[in-house]
Each structure stands twice: as structure tokens, then as C-alpha cells.
């Protein structure tokens, strides 16, 4: 019973409270961008705990995901517009 209550309170209720606070602060678009980090974190956890090997195409994929996040974020684009006037 204690495990079920612990799962209900900590893993579900607390997680949703945190999720909706982040949603309110960051917005739905920014919150959904976190899902793009799942493959990167899965790869890094596999390397760290399972001894998997990082191959060149993994690095290319992580670079594409990272550059996509930078583009979607827009801060770098706004900084370029301010600095260079375009």
C-alpha cells in the first residue's frame, strides 16, 4: 500500500503539478520541445550505463537536434538581428 501511495503522490500528482507550472511559465511550444531531447538523453544514458558506443551518425543526429532547438528557440536569431541589423 505504501508503494502505491508513493507512486500516486510522488510520481503522478507531484509530476503533474511541476508539469503544469512549467507549462504556465514556458508555454506549450517550449514545453513540447523537451521531447526532442529524449533521443539524446537515451543515447547518453546508454553510453554511461550500458557501455554502448557512440558512432559518427549519432553525433550528427545530436547536432541536428541541437541546431533545431537553437533555431526554434529564436534567441540567437533575435541577437543576430540586433547585432547586425537584419
PDB file of N, CA and C in Angstrom:
ATOM      1  N   UNK A   1       0.821  -1.194   0.000  1.00  0.00           N
ATOM      2  CA  UNK A   1       0.000   0.000   0.000  1.00  0.00           C
ATOM      3  C   UNK A   1       0.865   1.257   0.000  1.00  0.00           C
ATOM      4  N   UNK A   2       1.952   1.209   0.765  1.00  0.00           N
ATOM      5  CA  UNK A   2       2.848   2.369   0.811  1.00  0.00           C
ATOM      6  C   UNK A   2       3.458   2.677  -0.539  1.00  0.00           C
ATOM      7  N   UNK A   3       3.801   1.625  -1.289  1.00  0.00           N
ATOM      8  CA  UNK A   3       4.375   1.834  -2.620  1.00  0.00           C
ATOM      9  C   UNK A   3       3.358   2.448  -3.561  1.00  0.00           C
ATOM     10  N   UNK A   4       2.129   2.005  -3.493  1.00  0.00           N
ATOM     11  CA  UNK A   4       1.076   2.555  -4.356  1.00  0.00           C
ATOM     12  C   UNK A   4       0.812   4.011  -4.009  1.00  0.00           C
ATOM     13  N   UNK A   5       0.758   4.314  -2.738  1.00  0.00           N
ATOM     14  CA  UNK A   5       0.552   5.706  -2.320  1.00  0.00           C
ATOM     15  C   UNK A   5       1.745   6.559  -2.742  1.00  0.00           C
ATOM     16  N   UNK A   6       2.946   6.025  -2.587  1.00  0.00           N
ATOM     17  CA  UNK A   6       4.133   6.758  -3.019  1.00  0.00           C
ATOM     18  C   UNK A   6       4.123   7.029  -4.517  1.00  0.00           C
ATOM     19  N   UNK A   7       3.748   6.033  -5.302  1.00  0.00           N
ATOM     20  CA  UNK A   7       3.652   6.235  -6.748  1.00  0.00           C
ATOM     21  C   UNK A   7       2.577   7.257  -7.097  1.00  0.00           C
ATOM     22  N   UNK A   8       1.462   7.178  -6.421  1.00  0.00           N
ATOM     23  CA  UNK A   8       0.366   8.096  -6.717  1.00  0.00           C
ATOM     24  C   UNK A   8       0.729   9.531  -6.364  1.00  0.00           C
ATOM     25  N   UNK A   9       1.342   9.715  -5.212  1.00  0.00           N
ATOM     26  CA  UNK A   9       1.634  11.077  -4.772  1.00  0.00           C
ATOM     27  C   UNK A   9       2.868  11.660  -5.439  1.00  0.00           C
ATOM     28  N   UNK A  10       3.955  10.910  -5.468  1.00  0.00           N
ATOM     29  CA  UNK A  10       5.206  11.459  -5.972  1.00  0.00           C
ATOM     30  C   UNK A  10       5.309  11.366  -7.499  1.00  0.00           C
ATOM     31  N   UNK A  11       5.061  10.202  -8.015  1.00  0.00           N
ATOM     32  CA  UNK A  11       5.289  10.006  -9.447  1.00  0.00           C
ATOM     33  C   UNK A  11       4.183  10.583 -10.311  1.00  0.00           C
ATOM     34  N   UNK A  12       3.003  10.710  -9.799  1.00  0.00           N
ATOM     35  CA  UNK A  12       1.906  11.192 -10.620  1.00  0.00           C
ATOM     36  C   UNK A  12       1.492  12.598 -10.234  1.00  0.00           C
ATOM     37  N   UNK A  13       1.038  12.774  -9.010  1.00  0.00           N
ATOM     38  CA  UNK A  13       0.498  14.067  -8.598  1.00  0.00           C
ATOM     39  C   UNK A  13       1.567  15.158  -8.620  1.00  0.00           C
ATOM     40  N   UNK A  14       2.708  14.897  -8.024  1.00  0.00           N
ATOM     41  CA  UNK A  14       3.771  15.898  -7.994  1.00  0.00           C
ATOM     42  C   UNK A  14       4.292  16.192  -9.403  1.00  0.00           C
ATOM     43  N   UNK A  15       4.396  15.157 -10.216  1.00  0.00           N
ATOM     44  CA  UNK A  15       4.868  15.360 -11.588  1.00  0.00           C
ATOM     45  C   UNK A  15       3.914  16.254 -12.373  1.00  0.00           C
ATOM     46  N   UNK A  16       2.623  16.075 -12.205  1.00  0.00           N
ATOM     47  CA  UNK A  16       1.666  16.924 -12.912  1.00  0.00           C
ATOM     48  C   UNK A  16       1.673  18.352 -12.398  1.00  0.00           C
ATOM     49  N   UNK A  17       1.862  18.536 -11.117  1.00  0.00           N
ATOM     50  CA  UNK A  17       1.963  19.897 -10.573  1.00  0.00           C
ATOM     51  C   UNK A  17       3.165  20.605 -11.191  1.00  0.00           C
ATOM     52  N   UNK A  18       4.305  19.926 -11.234  1.00  0.00           N
ATOM     53  CA  UNK A  18       5.509  20.504 -11.839  1.00  0.00           C
ATOM     54  C   UNK A  18       5.282  20.768 -13.323  1.00  0.00           C
ATOM     55  N   UNK A  19       4.682  19.794 -14.021  1.00  0.00           N
ATOM     56  CA  UNK A  19       4.421  19.927 -15.454  1.00  0.00           C
ATOM     57  C   UNK A  19       3.571  21.159 -15.750  1.00  0.00           C
ATOM     58  N   UNK A  20       2.479  21.361 -15.020  1.00  0.00           N
ATOM     59  CA  UNK A  20       1.603  22.484 -15.304  1.00  0.00           C
ATOM     60  C   UNK A  20       2.205  23.819 -14.880  1.00  0.00           C
ATOM     61  N   UNK A  21       3.078  23.828 -13.896  1.00  0.00           N
ATOM     62  CA  UNK A  21       3.788  25.073 -13.567  1.00  0.00           C
ATOM     63  C   UNK A  21       4.749  25.455 -14.687  1.00  0.00           C
ATOM     64  N   UNK A  22       5.454  24.458 -15.209  1.00  0.00           N
ATOM     65  CA  UNK A  22       6.353  24.732 -16.330  1.00  0.00           C
ATOM     66  C   UNK A  22       5.548  25.171 -17.544  1.00  0.00           C
ATOM     67  N   UNK A  23       4.412  24.539 -17.778  1.00  0.00           N
ATOM     68  CA  UNK A  23       3.549  24.901 -18.900  1.00  0.00           C
ATOM     69  C   UNK A  23       3.101  26.352 -18.798  1.00  0.00           C
ATOM     70  N   UNK A  24       2.716  26.769 -17.611  1.00  0.00           N
ATOM     71  CA  UNK A  24       2.272  28.148 -17.417  1.00  0.00           C
ATOM     72  C   UNK A  24       3.411  29.141 -17.666  1.00  0.00           C
ATOM     73  N   UNK A  25       4.610  28.805 -17.222  1.00  0.00           N
ATOM     74  CA  UNK A  25       5.743  29.735 -17.349  1.00  0.00           C
ATOM     75  C   UNK A  25       6.351  29.742 -18.736  1.00  0.00           C
ATOM     76  N   UNK A  26       6.521  28.566 -19.343  1.00  0.00           N
ATOM     77  CA  UNK A  26       7.265  28.472 -20.590  1.00  0.00           C
ATOM     78  C   UNK A  26       6.371  28.446 -21.823  1.00  0.00           C
ATOM     79  N   UNK A  27       5.143  28.023 -21.680  1.00  0.00           N
ATOM     80  CA  UNK A  27       4.253  27.913 -22.821  1.00  0.00           C
ATOM     81  C   UNK A  27       4.293  26.514 -23.422  1.00  0.00           C
ATOM     82  N   UNK A  28       3.259  26.204 -24.170  1.00  0.00           N
ATOM     83  CA  UNK A  28       3.125  24.842 -24.691  1.00  0.00           C
ATOM     84  C   UNK A  28       4.170  24.503 -25.744  1.00  0.00           C
ATOM     85  N   UNK A  29       4.537  25.453 -26.580  1.00  0.00           N
ATOM     86  CA  UNK A  29       5.526  25.173 -27.622  1.00  0.00           C
ATOM     87  C   UNK A  29       6.876  24.839 -27.011  1.00  0.00           C
ATOM     88  N   UNK A  30       7.328  25.655 -26.078  1.00  0.00           N
ATOM     89  CA  UNK A  30       8.612  25.393 -25.430  1.00  0.00           C
ATOM     90  C   UNK A  30       8.590  24.093 -24.633  1.00  0.00           C
ATOM     91  N   UNK A  31       7.475  23.805 -24.018  1.00  0.00           N
ATOM     92  CA  UNK A  31       7.375  22.569 -23.246  1.00  0.00           C
ATOM     93  C   UNK A  31       7.438  21.345 -24.155  1.00  0.00           C
ATOM     94  N   UNK A  32       6.848  21.434 -25.332  1.00  0.00           N
ATOM     95  CA  UNK A  32       6.870  20.289 -26.243  1.00  0.00           C
ATOM     96  C   UNK A  32       8.250  20.063 -26.854  1.00  0.00           C
ATOM     97  N   UNK A  33       9.096  21.080 -26.874  1.00  0.00           N
ATOM     98  CA  UNK A  33      10.447  20.924 -27.415  1.00  0.00           C
ATOM     99  C   UNK A  33      11.299  19.982 -26.573  1.00  0.00           C
ATOM    100  N   UNK A  34      10.916  19.777 -25.330  1.00  0.00           N
ATOM    101  CA  UNK A  34      11.658  18.881 -24.458  1.00  0.00           C
ATOM    102  C   UNK A  34      11.648  17.454 -25.016  1.00  0.00           C
ATOM    103  N   UNK A  35      10.597  17.083 -25.729  1.00  0.00           N
ATOM    104  CA  UNK A  35      10.520  15.730 -26.278  1.00  0.00           C
ATOM    105  C   UNK A  35      11.636  15.465 -27.290  1.00  0.00           C
ATOM    106  N   UNK A  36      12.201  16.515 -27.868  1.00  0.00           N
ATOM    107  CA  UNK A  36      13.309  16.329 -28.804  1.00  0.00           C
ATOM    108  C   UNK A  36      14.592  15.908 -28.087  1.00  0.00           C
ATOM    109  N   UNK A  37      14.639  16.104 -26.794  1.00  0.00           N
ATOM    110  CA  UNK A  37      15.828  15.722 -26.032  1.00  0.00           C
ATOM    111  C   UNK A  37      15.826  14.254 -25.608  1.00  0.00           C
ATOM    112  N   UNK A  38      14.720  13.571 -25.776  1.00  0.00           N
ATOM    113  CA  UNK A  38      14.632  12.173 -25.350  1.00  0.00           C
ATOM    114  C   UNK A  38      15.646  11.283 -26.080  1.00  0.00           C
ATOM    115  N   UNK A  39      15.787  11.366 -27.419  1.00  0.00           N
ATOM    116  CA  UNK A  39      16.784  10.506 -28.064  1.00  0.00           C
ATOM    117  C   UNK A  39      18.215  10.794 -27.602  1.00  0.00           C
ATOM    118  N   UNK A  40      18.523  12.058 -27.376  1.00  0.00           N
ATOM    119  CA  UNK A  40      19.871  12.427 -26.936  1.00  0.00           C
ATOM    120  C   UNK A  40      20.131  11.871 -25.533  1.00  0.00           C
ATOM    121  N   UNK A  41      19.183  12.060 -24.624  1.00  0.00           N
ATOM    122  CA  UNK A  41      19.394  11.550 -23.268  1.00  0.00           C
ATOM    123  C   UNK A  41      19.410  10.027 -23.254  1.00  0.00           C
ATOM    124  N   UNK A  42      18.618   9.373 -24.094  1.00  0.00           N
ATOM    125  CA  UNK A  42      18.637   7.906 -24.167  1.00  0.00           C
ATOM    126  C   UNK A  42      19.995   7.409 -24.643  1.00  0.00           C
ATOM    127  N   UNK A  43      20.556   8.086 -25.633  1.00  0.00           N
ATOM    128  CA  UNK A  43      21.867   7.700 -26.138  1.00  0.00           C
ATOM    129  C   UNK A  43      22.943   7.894 -25.066  1.00  0.00           C
ATOM    130  N   UNK A  44      22.913   9.026 -24.401  1.00  0.00           N
ATOM    131  CA  UNK A  44      23.919   9.295 -23.374  1.00  0.00           C
ATOM    132  C   UNK A  44      23.787   8.350 -22.180  1.00  0.00           C
ATOM    133  N   UNK A  45      22.570   8.027 -21.793  1.00  0.00           N
ATOM    134  CA  UNK A  45      22.380   7.061 -20.708  1.00  0.00           C
ATOM    135  C   UNK A  45      22.835   5.669 -21.125  1.00  0.00           C
ATOM    136  N   UNK A  46      22.617   5.309 -22.403  1.00  0.00           N
ATOM    137  CA  UNK A  46      23.091   4.028 -22.901  1.00  0.00           C
ATOM    138  C   UNK A  46      24.606   3.935 -22.872  1.00  0.00           C
ATOM    139  N   UNK A  47      25.258   5.022 -23.215  1.00  0.00           N
ATOM    140  CA  UNK A  47      26.724   5.057 -23.170  1.00  0.00           C
ATOM    141  C   UNK A  47      27.210   4.966 -21.726  1.00  0.00           C
ATOM    142  N   UNK A  48      26.564   5.721 -20.843  1.00  0.00           N
ATOM    143  CA  UNK A  48      27.003   5.789 -19.455  1.00  0.00           C
ATOM    144  C   UNK A  48      26.775   4.485 -18.690  1.00  0.00           C
ATOM    145  N   UNK A  49      25.600   3.893 -18.849  1.00  0.00           N
ATOM    146  CA  UNK A  49      25.249   2.742 -18.027  1.00  0.00           C
ATOM    147  C   UNK A  49      25.358   1.397 -18.738  1.00  0.00           C
ATOM    148  N   UNK A  50      25.241   1.376 -20.055  1.00  0.00           N
ATOM    149  CA  UNK A  50      25.237   0.105 -20.780  1.00  0.00           C
ATOM    150  C   UNK A  50      26.489  -0.125 -21.609  1.00  0.00           C
ATOM    151  N   UNK A  51      27.369   0.852 -21.622  1.00  0.00           N
ATOM    152  CA  UNK A  51      28.606   0.700 -22.373  1.00  0.00           C
ATOM    153  C   UNK A  51      28.424   0.738 -23.883  1.00  0.00           C
ATOM    154  N   UNK A  52      27.349   1.360 -24.360  1.00  0.00           N
ATOM    155  CA  UNK A  52      27.138   1.468 -25.796  1.00  0.00           C
ATOM    156  C   UNK A  52      28.182   2.390 -26.408  1.00  0.00           C
ATOM    157  N   UNK A  53      28.385   2.243 -27.695  1.00  0.00           N
ATOM    158  CA  UNK A  53      29.398   3.021 -28.413  1.00  0.00           C
ATOM    159  C   UNK A  53      28.712   4.131 -29.199  1.00  0.00           C
ATOM    160  N   UNK A  54      29.241   5.341 -29.086  1.00  0.00           N
ATOM    161  CA  UNK A  54      28.727   6.466 -29.864  1.00  0.00           C
ATOM    162  C   UNK A  54      29.386   6.439 -31.232  1.00  0.00           C
ATOM    163  N   UNK A  55      28.571   6.354 -32.258  1.00  0.00           N
ATOM    164  CA  UNK A  55      29.075   6.326 -33.629  1.00  0.00           C
ATOM    165  C   UNK A  55      28.896   7.696 -34.261  1.00  0.00           C
ATOM    166  N   UNK A  56      29.587   7.946 -35.376  1.00  0.00           N
ATOM    167  CA  UNK A  56      29.505   9.267 -36.007  1.00  0.00           C
ATOM    168  C   UNK A  56      28.081   9.706 -36.355  1.00  0.00           C
ATOM    169  N   UNK A  57      27.251   8.781 -36.801  1.00  0.00           N
ATOM    170  CA  UNK A  57      25.887   9.189 -37.161  1.00  0.00           C
ATOM    171  C   UNK A  57      25.066   9.576 -35.920  1.00  0.00           C
ATOM    172  N   UNK A  58      25.439   9.071 -34.755  1.00  0.00           N
ATOM    173  CA  UNK A  58      24.792   9.518 -33.520  1.00  0.00           C
ATOM    174  C   UNK A  58      25.127  10.981 -33.250  1.00  0.00           C
ATOM    175  N   UNK A  59      26.394  11.320 -33.442  1.00  0.00           N
ATOM    176  CA  UNK A  59      26.818  12.706 -33.218  1.00  0.00           C
ATOM    177  C   UNK A  59      26.152  13.658 -34.211  1.00  0.00           C
ATOM    178  N   UNK A  60      26.019  13.210 -35.451  1.00  0.00           N
ATOM    179  CA  UNK A  60      25.327  14.033 -36.458  1.00  0.00           C
ATOM    180  C   UNK A  60      23.878  14.251 -36.044  1.00  0.00           C
ATOM    181  N   UNK A  61      23.224  13.190 -35.583  1.00  0.00           N
ATOM    182  CA  UNK A  61      21.838  13.313 -35.131  1.00  0.00           C
ATOM    183  C   UNK A  61      21.692  14.256 -33.951  1.00  0.00           C
ATOM    184  N   UNK A  62      22.609  14.142 -32.989  1.00  0.00           N
ATOM    185  CA  UNK A  62      22.559  15.052 -31.842  1.00  0.00           C
ATOM    186  C   UNK A  62      22.811  16.488 -32.276  1.00  0.00           C
ATOM    187  N   UNK A  63      23.704  16.675 -33.238  1.00  0.00           N
ATOM    188  CA  UNK A  63      23.949  18.019 -33.755  1.00  0.00           C
ATOM    189  C   UNK A  63      22.732  18.595 -34.456  1.00  0.00           C
ATOM    190  N   UNK A  64      22.029  17.760 -35.222  1.00  0.00           N
ATOM    191  CA  UNK A  64      20.809  18.225 -35.891  1.00  0.00           C
ATOM    192  C   UNK A  64      19.725  18.583 -34.883  1.00  0.00           C
ATOM    193  N   UNK A  65      19.581  17.764 -33.870  1.00  0.00           N
ATOM    194  CA  UNK A  65      18.595  18.070 -32.829  1.00  0.00           C
ATOM    195  C   UNK A  65      18.966  19.362 -32.109  1.00  0.00           C
ATOM    196  N   UNK A  66      20.236  19.507 -31.763  1.00  0.00           N
ATOM    197  CA  UNK A  66      20.681  20.731 -31.092  1.00  0.00           C
ATOM    198  C   UNK A  66      20.493  21.970 -31.935  1.00  0.00           C
ATOM    199  N   UNK A  67      20.852  21.892 -33.212  1.00  0.00           N
ATOM    200  CA  UNK A  67      20.674  23.066 -34.084  1.00  0.00           C
ATOM    201  C   UNK A  67      19.196  23.357 -34.303  1.00  0.00           C
ATOM    202  N   UNK A  68      18.375  22.328 -34.376  1.00  0.00           N
ATOM    203  CA  UNK A  68      16.937  22.556 -34.497  1.00  0.00           C
ATOM    204  C   UNK A  68      16.370  23.256 -33.279  1.00  0.00           C
ATOM    205  N   UNK A  69      16.825  22.861 -32.097  1.00  0.00           N
ATOM    206  CA  UNK A  69      16.368  23.527 -30.878  1.00  0.00           C
ATOM    207  C   UNK A  69      16.823  24.976 -30.826  1.00  0.00           C
ATOM    208  N   UNK A  70      18.033  25.239 -31.278  1.00  0.00           N
ATOM    209  CA  UNK A  70      18.531  26.619 -31.292  1.00  0.00           C
ATOM    210  C   UNK A  70      17.712  27.465 -32.260  1.00  0.00           C
ATOM    211  N   UNK A  71      17.397  26.909 -33.413  1.00  0.00           N
ATOM    212  CA  UNK A  71      16.604  27.647 -34.401  1.00  0.00           C
ATOM    213  C   UNK A  71      15.196  27.899 -33.882  1.00  0.00           C
ATOM    214  N   UNK A  72      14.584  26.876 -33.312  1.00  0.00           N
ATOM    215  CA  UNK A  72      13.219  27.021 -32.813  1.00  0.00           C
ATOM    216  C   UNK A  72      13.131  27.965 -31.627  1.00  0.00           C
ATOM    217  N   UNK A  73      14.180  28.035 -30.840  1.00  0.00           N
ATOM    218  CA  UNK A  73      14.189  28.911 -29.673  1.00  0.00           C
ATOM    219  C   UNK A  73      14.094  30.369 -30.093  1.00  0.00           C
ATOM    220  N   UNK A  74      14.838  30.773 -31.103  1.00  0.00           N
ATOM    221  CA  UNK A  74      14.741  32.117 -31.646  1.00  0.00           C
ATOM    222  C   UNK A  74      15.611  33.163 -30.988  1.00  0.00           C
ATOM    223  N   UNK A  75      16.197  32.879 -29.839  1.00  0.00           N
ATOM    224  CA  UNK A  75      17.022  33.893 -29.175  1.00  0.00           C
ATOM    225  C   UNK A  75      18.252  34.239 -29.983  1.00  0.00           C
ATOM    226  N   UNK A  76      18.889  33.253 -30.591  1.00  0.00           N
ATOM    227  CA  UNK A  76      20.073  33.504 -31.399  1.00  0.00           C
ATOM    228  C   UNK A  76      19.726  34.358 -32.620  1.00  0.00           C
ATOM    229  N   UNK A  77      18.571  34.091 -33.206  1.00  0.00           N
ATOM    230  CA  UNK A  77      18.114  34.868 -34.360  1.00  0.00           C
ATOM    231  C   UNK A  77      17.866  36.323 -33.957  1.00  0.00           C
ATOM    232  N   UNK A  78      17.217  36.531 -32.808  1.00  0.00           N
ATOM    233  CA  UNK A  78      16.972  37.904 -32.341  1.00  0.00           C
ATOM    234  C   UNK A  78      18.279  38.620 -32.027  1.00  0.00           C
ATOM    235  N   UNK A  79      19.243  37.911 -31.460  1.00  0.00           N
ATOM    236  CA  UNK A  79      20.544  38.501 -31.154  1.00  0.00           C
ATOM    237  C   UNK A  79      21.240  38.922 -32.449  1.00  0.00           C
ATOM    238  N   UNK A  80      21.166  38.099 -33.486  1.00  0.00           N
ATOM    239  CA  UNK A  80      21.755  38.437 -34.775  1.00  0.00           C
ATOM    240  C   UNK A  80      21.081  39.648 -35.409  1.00  0.00           C
ATOM    241  N   UNK A  81      19.771  39.743 -35.269  1.00  0.00           N
ATOM    242  CA  UNK A  81      19.057  40.898 -35.831  1.00  0.00           C
ATOM    243  C   UNK A  81      19.462  42.177 -35.127  1.00  0.00           C
ATOM    244  N   UNK A  82      19.647  42.107 -33.818  1.00  0.00           N
ATOM    245  CA  UNK A  82      20.043  43.293 -33.062  1.00  0.00           C
ATOM    246  C   UNK A  82      21.481  43.675 -33.380  1.00  0.00           C
ATOM    247  N   UNK A  83      22.364  42.685 -33.408  1.00  0.00           N
ATOM    248  CA  UNK A  83      23.788  42.956 -33.607  1.00  0.00           C
ATOM    249  C   UNK A  83      24.104  43.392 -35.024  1.00  0.00           C
ATOM    250  N   UNK A  84      23.453  42.776 -36.013  1.00  0.00           N
ATOM    251  CA  UNK A  84      23.795  43.046 -37.405  1.00  0.00           C
ATOM    252  C   UNK A  84      22.719  43.813 -38.151  1.00  0.00           C
ATOM    253  N   UNK A  85      21.605  44.076 -37.511  1.00  0.00           N
ATOM    254  CA  UNK A  85      20.576  44.900 -38.105  1.00  0.00           C
ATOM    255  C   UNK A  85      19.788  44.242 -39.232  1.00  0.00           C
ATOM    256  N   UNK A  86      19.673  42.907 -39.212  1.00  0.00           N
ATOM    257  CA  UNK A  86      18.848  42.271 -40.243  1.00  0.00           C
ATOM    258  C   UNK A  86      17.704  41.515 -39.656  1.00  0.00           C
TER     259      UNK A  86
END
